[in-house]
């Protein structure tokens, strides 16, 4: 899907998507390029970005999240577990502010 659809589904401006990409907050596994060199995001990016948004809402910084992405799989697994517990606690997702 293109950036405008990801933006619509996540309620994040396209400029934020590009910022996250520059900061390496969106792993390469979620982004490819089409024949015209446009960004194409896979379906998993929507859930991933909703998780990012929630973690930022909970007080983590972009730098914290970049570290989590780049650290060991154990830390990633723990972070995912944390996200799951918060989702269950909140009872609904996405969180709107």
N, C-alpha and C. Protein backbone atom coordinates (compact mmCIF):
# COMPACT_ATOMS: atom_id res chain seq x y z
N UNK A 1 0.84 -1.18 0.00
CA UNK A 1 0.00 0.00 0.00
C UNK A 1 0.89 1.24 0.00
N UNK A 2 0.38 2.29 -0.52
CA UNK A 2 1.13 3.54 -0.61
C UNK A 2 1.02 4.33 0.68
N UNK A 3 1.87 5.34 0.80
CA UNK A 3 1.96 6.14 2.02
C UNK A 3 0.63 6.80 2.38
N UNK A 4 -0.12 7.26 1.38
CA UNK A 4 -1.39 7.93 1.69
C UNK A 4 -2.39 6.97 2.35
N UNK A 5 -2.38 5.70 1.95
CA UNK A 5 -3.28 4.74 2.58
C UNK A 5 -2.82 4.39 4.00
N UNK A 6 -1.50 4.25 4.19
CA UNK A 6 -0.97 4.00 5.53
C UNK A 6 -1.31 5.19 6.43
N UNK A 7 -1.15 6.38 5.90
CA UNK A 7 -1.47 7.59 6.65
C UNK A 7 -2.94 7.60 7.07
N UNK A 8 -3.81 7.24 6.16
CA UNK A 8 -5.24 7.22 6.46
C UNK A 8 -5.57 6.17 7.52
N UNK A 9 -4.99 4.98 7.39
CA UNK A 9 -5.29 3.89 8.32
C UNK A 9 -4.69 4.10 9.71
N UNK A 10 -3.56 4.78 9.78
CA UNK A 10 -2.90 4.98 11.08
C UNK A 10 -3.17 6.35 11.67
N UNK A 11 -3.75 7.23 10.88
CA UNK A 11 -3.99 8.61 11.28
C UNK A 11 -2.69 9.35 11.58
N UNK A 12 -1.63 8.96 10.90
CA UNK A 12 -0.34 9.65 10.99
C UNK A 12 -0.12 10.40 9.68
N UNK A 13 0.31 11.64 9.75
CA UNK A 13 0.60 12.38 8.52
C UNK A 13 1.73 11.70 7.73
N UNK A 14 1.71 11.86 6.43
CA UNK A 14 2.75 11.30 5.58
C UNK A 14 4.12 11.83 6.00
N UNK A 15 4.18 13.08 6.43
CA UNK A 15 5.45 13.64 6.89
C UNK A 15 5.98 12.87 8.10
N UNK A 16 5.09 12.39 8.95
CA UNK A 16 5.51 11.59 10.11
C UNK A 16 6.04 10.24 9.65
N UNK A 17 5.39 9.63 8.67
CA UNK A 17 5.89 8.37 8.13
C UNK A 17 7.30 8.53 7.59
N UNK A 18 7.53 9.60 6.86
CA UNK A 18 8.86 9.85 6.30
C UNK A 18 9.88 10.13 7.41
N UNK A 19 9.45 10.87 8.44
CA UNK A 19 10.32 11.14 9.58
C UNK A 19 10.71 9.84 10.26
N UNK A 20 9.73 8.97 10.51
CA UNK A 20 10.00 7.68 11.14
C UNK A 20 10.96 6.86 10.28
N UNK A 21 10.78 6.92 8.99
CA UNK A 21 11.67 6.17 8.09
C UNK A 21 13.11 6.72 8.18
N UNK A 22 13.25 8.03 8.18
CA UNK A 22 14.59 8.64 8.29
C UNK A 22 15.26 8.27 9.61
N UNK A 23 14.47 8.18 10.67
CA UNK A 23 15.00 7.84 11.99
C UNK A 23 15.20 6.33 12.16
N UNK A 24 14.91 5.59 11.12
CA UNK A 24 15.01 4.12 11.12
C UNK A 24 14.08 3.49 12.14
N UNK A 25 12.94 4.12 12.34
CA UNK A 25 11.94 3.61 13.26
C UNK A 25 11.04 2.58 12.57
N UNK A 26 10.97 2.64 11.25
CA UNK A 26 10.21 1.65 10.49
C UNK A 26 11.22 0.69 9.87
N UNK A 27 11.25 -0.55 10.33
CA UNK A 27 12.22 -1.50 9.77
C UNK A 27 12.03 -1.71 8.27
N UNK A 28 13.12 -2.01 7.60
CA UNK A 28 13.10 -2.19 6.15
C UNK A 28 12.15 -3.28 5.71
N UNK A 29 11.85 -4.24 6.58
CA UNK A 29 10.96 -5.33 6.22
C UNK A 29 9.56 -4.83 5.85
N UNK A 30 9.20 -3.64 6.29
CA UNK A 30 7.88 -3.09 6.01
C UNK A 30 7.83 -2.22 4.77
N UNK A 31 8.98 -1.89 4.18
CA UNK A 31 9.01 -0.94 3.07
C UNK A 31 9.75 -1.53 1.89
N UNK A 32 9.17 -1.36 0.72
CA UNK A 32 9.86 -1.69 -0.53
C UNK A 32 9.61 -0.55 -1.50
N UNK A 33 10.12 -0.69 -2.70
CA UNK A 33 9.92 0.34 -3.73
C UNK A 33 9.31 -0.31 -4.97
N UNK A 34 8.39 0.39 -5.62
CA UNK A 34 7.82 -0.14 -6.86
C UNK A 34 8.67 0.28 -8.05
N UNK A 35 8.20 -0.03 -9.24
CA UNK A 35 8.98 0.26 -10.45
C UNK A 35 9.19 1.76 -10.69
N UNK A 36 8.35 2.60 -10.09
CA UNK A 36 8.50 4.05 -10.20
C UNK A 36 9.25 4.64 -9.01
N UNK A 37 9.80 3.78 -8.16
CA UNK A 37 10.57 4.15 -6.97
C UNK A 37 9.71 4.78 -5.87
N UNK A 38 8.39 4.53 -5.91
CA UNK A 38 7.52 4.97 -4.83
C UNK A 38 7.62 3.97 -3.68
N UNK A 39 7.47 4.48 -2.45
CA UNK A 39 7.44 3.59 -1.29
C UNK A 39 6.18 2.74 -1.33
N UNK A 40 6.36 1.47 -1.02
CA UNK A 40 5.23 0.55 -0.90
C UNK A 40 5.39 -0.13 0.46
N UNK A 41 4.37 0.03 1.29
CA UNK A 41 4.39 -0.55 2.63
C UNK A 41 3.59 -1.85 2.63
N UNK A 42 4.08 -2.84 3.37
CA UNK A 42 3.29 -4.07 3.46
C UNK A 42 2.22 -3.91 4.54
N UNK A 43 1.29 -4.86 4.56
CA UNK A 43 0.12 -4.77 5.45
C UNK A 43 0.49 -4.70 6.93
N UNK A 44 1.59 -5.34 7.32
CA UNK A 44 1.98 -5.38 8.72
C UNK A 44 2.39 -4.05 9.30
N UNK A 45 2.67 -3.08 8.44
CA UNK A 45 3.14 -1.78 8.93
C UNK A 45 2.06 -1.04 9.71
N UNK A 46 0.80 -1.29 9.40
CA UNK A 46 -0.28 -0.57 10.09
C UNK A 46 -0.29 -0.94 11.57
N UNK A 47 -0.29 -2.23 11.87
CA UNK A 47 -0.26 -2.68 13.27
C UNK A 47 1.01 -2.21 13.95
N UNK A 48 2.13 -2.33 13.24
CA UNK A 48 3.41 -1.90 13.79
C UNK A 48 3.36 -0.42 14.17
N UNK A 49 2.84 0.44 13.28
CA UNK A 49 2.79 1.87 13.56
C UNK A 49 1.80 2.19 14.68
N UNK A 50 0.74 1.41 14.79
CA UNK A 50 -0.19 1.61 15.91
C UNK A 50 0.52 1.28 17.23
N UNK A 51 1.36 0.25 17.21
CA UNK A 51 2.14 -0.08 18.40
C UNK A 51 3.13 1.04 18.73
N UNK A 52 3.79 1.56 17.71
CA UNK A 52 4.73 2.67 17.91
C UNK A 52 4.01 3.86 18.52
N UNK A 53 2.87 4.17 17.97
CA UNK A 53 2.09 5.31 18.47
C UNK A 53 1.72 5.11 19.94
N UNK A 54 1.29 3.90 20.29
CA UNK A 54 0.91 3.62 21.66
C UNK A 54 2.12 3.76 22.59
N UNK A 55 3.26 3.21 22.19
CA UNK A 55 4.46 3.29 23.03
C UNK A 55 4.91 4.73 23.21
N UNK A 56 4.79 5.54 22.17
CA UNK A 56 5.13 6.97 22.30
C UNK A 56 4.15 7.66 23.25
N UNK A 57 2.88 7.28 23.17
CA UNK A 57 1.87 7.84 24.07
C UNK A 57 2.17 7.48 25.52
N UNK A 58 2.73 6.29 25.72
CA UNK A 58 3.06 5.84 27.08
C UNK A 58 4.35 6.45 27.62
N UNK A 59 5.04 7.23 26.80
CA UNK A 59 6.20 7.95 27.30
C UNK A 59 7.55 7.51 26.75
N UNK A 60 7.58 6.45 25.95
CA UNK A 60 8.86 6.09 25.33
C UNK A 60 9.22 7.14 24.29
N UNK A 61 10.50 7.34 24.08
CA UNK A 61 10.94 8.30 23.07
C UNK A 61 11.24 7.56 21.77
N UNK A 62 11.38 8.32 20.71
CA UNK A 62 11.76 7.73 19.43
C UNK A 62 13.11 7.04 19.57
N UNK A 63 14.02 7.65 20.30
CA UNK A 63 15.33 7.03 20.53
C UNK A 63 15.20 5.70 21.26
N UNK A 64 14.30 5.63 22.25
CA UNK A 64 14.05 4.37 22.96
C UNK A 64 13.58 3.29 21.99
N UNK A 65 12.65 3.66 21.12
CA UNK A 65 12.09 2.69 20.19
C UNK A 65 13.13 2.23 19.16
N UNK A 66 13.96 3.15 18.70
CA UNK A 66 15.02 2.77 17.75
C UNK A 66 15.96 1.77 18.41
N UNK A 67 16.29 2.00 19.68
CA UNK A 67 17.14 1.05 20.41
C UNK A 67 16.46 -0.31 20.51
N UNK A 68 15.17 -0.32 20.80
CA UNK A 68 14.45 -1.60 20.88
C UNK A 68 14.48 -2.35 19.56
N UNK A 69 14.32 -1.62 18.48
CA UNK A 69 14.32 -2.24 17.15
C UNK A 69 15.67 -2.85 16.84
N UNK A 70 16.73 -2.16 17.25
CA UNK A 70 18.07 -2.59 16.89
C UNK A 70 18.72 -3.55 17.88
N UNK A 71 18.08 -3.78 19.03
CA UNK A 71 18.64 -4.67 20.04
C UNK A 71 18.28 -6.12 19.75
N UNK A 72 18.63 -6.97 20.67
CA UNK A 72 18.44 -8.42 20.50
C UNK A 72 16.97 -8.79 20.37
N UNK A 73 16.73 -9.98 19.85
CA UNK A 73 15.36 -10.46 19.69
C UNK A 73 14.68 -10.64 21.05
N UNK A 74 15.45 -10.89 22.11
CA UNK A 74 14.87 -11.02 23.44
C UNK A 74 14.19 -9.71 23.84
N UNK A 75 14.87 -8.60 23.62
CA UNK A 75 14.30 -7.30 23.98
C UNK A 75 13.06 -7.03 23.13
N UNK A 76 13.13 -7.36 21.85
CA UNK A 76 11.96 -7.17 20.99
C UNK A 76 10.79 -7.99 21.49
N UNK A 77 11.06 -9.23 21.90
CA UNK A 77 10.00 -10.10 22.40
C UNK A 77 9.41 -9.50 23.68
N UNK A 78 10.24 -8.99 24.57
CA UNK A 78 9.76 -8.37 25.80
C UNK A 78 8.92 -7.12 25.48
N UNK A 79 9.37 -6.32 24.53
CA UNK A 79 8.63 -5.12 24.15
C UNK A 79 7.27 -5.50 23.57
N UNK A 80 7.24 -6.54 22.73
CA UNK A 80 5.99 -7.00 22.16
C UNK A 80 5.05 -7.48 23.26
N UNK A 81 5.59 -8.20 24.23
CA UNK A 81 4.78 -8.65 25.36
C UNK A 81 4.19 -7.49 26.13
N UNK A 82 4.99 -6.44 26.30
CA UNK A 82 4.53 -5.24 26.99
C UNK A 82 3.38 -4.60 26.21
N UNK A 83 3.53 -4.49 24.91
CA UNK A 83 2.48 -3.90 24.07
C UNK A 83 1.20 -4.72 24.20
N UNK A 84 1.32 -6.03 24.17
CA UNK A 84 0.15 -6.89 24.29
C UNK A 84 -0.56 -6.68 25.62
N UNK A 85 0.20 -6.60 26.71
CA UNK A 85 -0.40 -6.37 28.02
C UNK A 85 -1.11 -5.01 28.09
N UNK A 86 -0.51 -4.00 27.51
CA UNK A 86 -1.14 -2.69 27.52
C UNK A 86 -2.43 -2.72 26.71
N UNK A 87 -2.42 -3.40 25.57
CA UNK A 87 -3.64 -3.51 24.75
C UNK A 87 -4.75 -4.17 25.56
N UNK A 88 -4.43 -5.24 26.24
CA UNK A 88 -5.43 -5.95 27.04
C UNK A 88 -5.94 -5.05 28.16
N UNK A 89 -5.02 -4.36 28.83
CA UNK A 89 -5.40 -3.47 29.93
C UNK A 89 -6.31 -2.35 29.44
N UNK A 90 -5.95 -1.76 28.32
CA UNK A 90 -6.75 -0.65 27.78
C UNK A 90 -8.10 -1.12 27.25
N UNK A 91 -8.16 -2.34 26.79
CA UNK A 91 -9.41 -2.90 26.31
C UNK A 91 -9.79 -2.53 24.89
N UNK A 92 -9.09 -1.61 24.30
CA UNK A 92 -9.37 -1.25 22.92
C UNK A 92 -8.14 -0.66 22.30
N UNK A 93 -8.13 -0.67 20.99
CA UNK A 93 -6.97 -0.15 20.26
C UNK A 93 -7.44 0.33 18.92
N UNK A 94 -7.02 1.37 18.36
CA UNK A 94 -5.91 2.23 18.78
C UNK A 94 -6.34 3.21 19.87
N UNK A 95 -5.34 3.71 20.57
CA UNK A 95 -5.55 4.72 21.59
C UNK A 95 -5.68 6.07 20.90
N UNK A 96 -6.69 6.81 21.25
CA UNK A 96 -6.84 8.15 20.68
C UNK A 96 -6.66 9.15 21.80
N UNK A 97 -6.03 10.25 21.43
CA UNK A 97 -5.80 11.26 22.47
C UNK A 97 -6.59 12.51 22.19
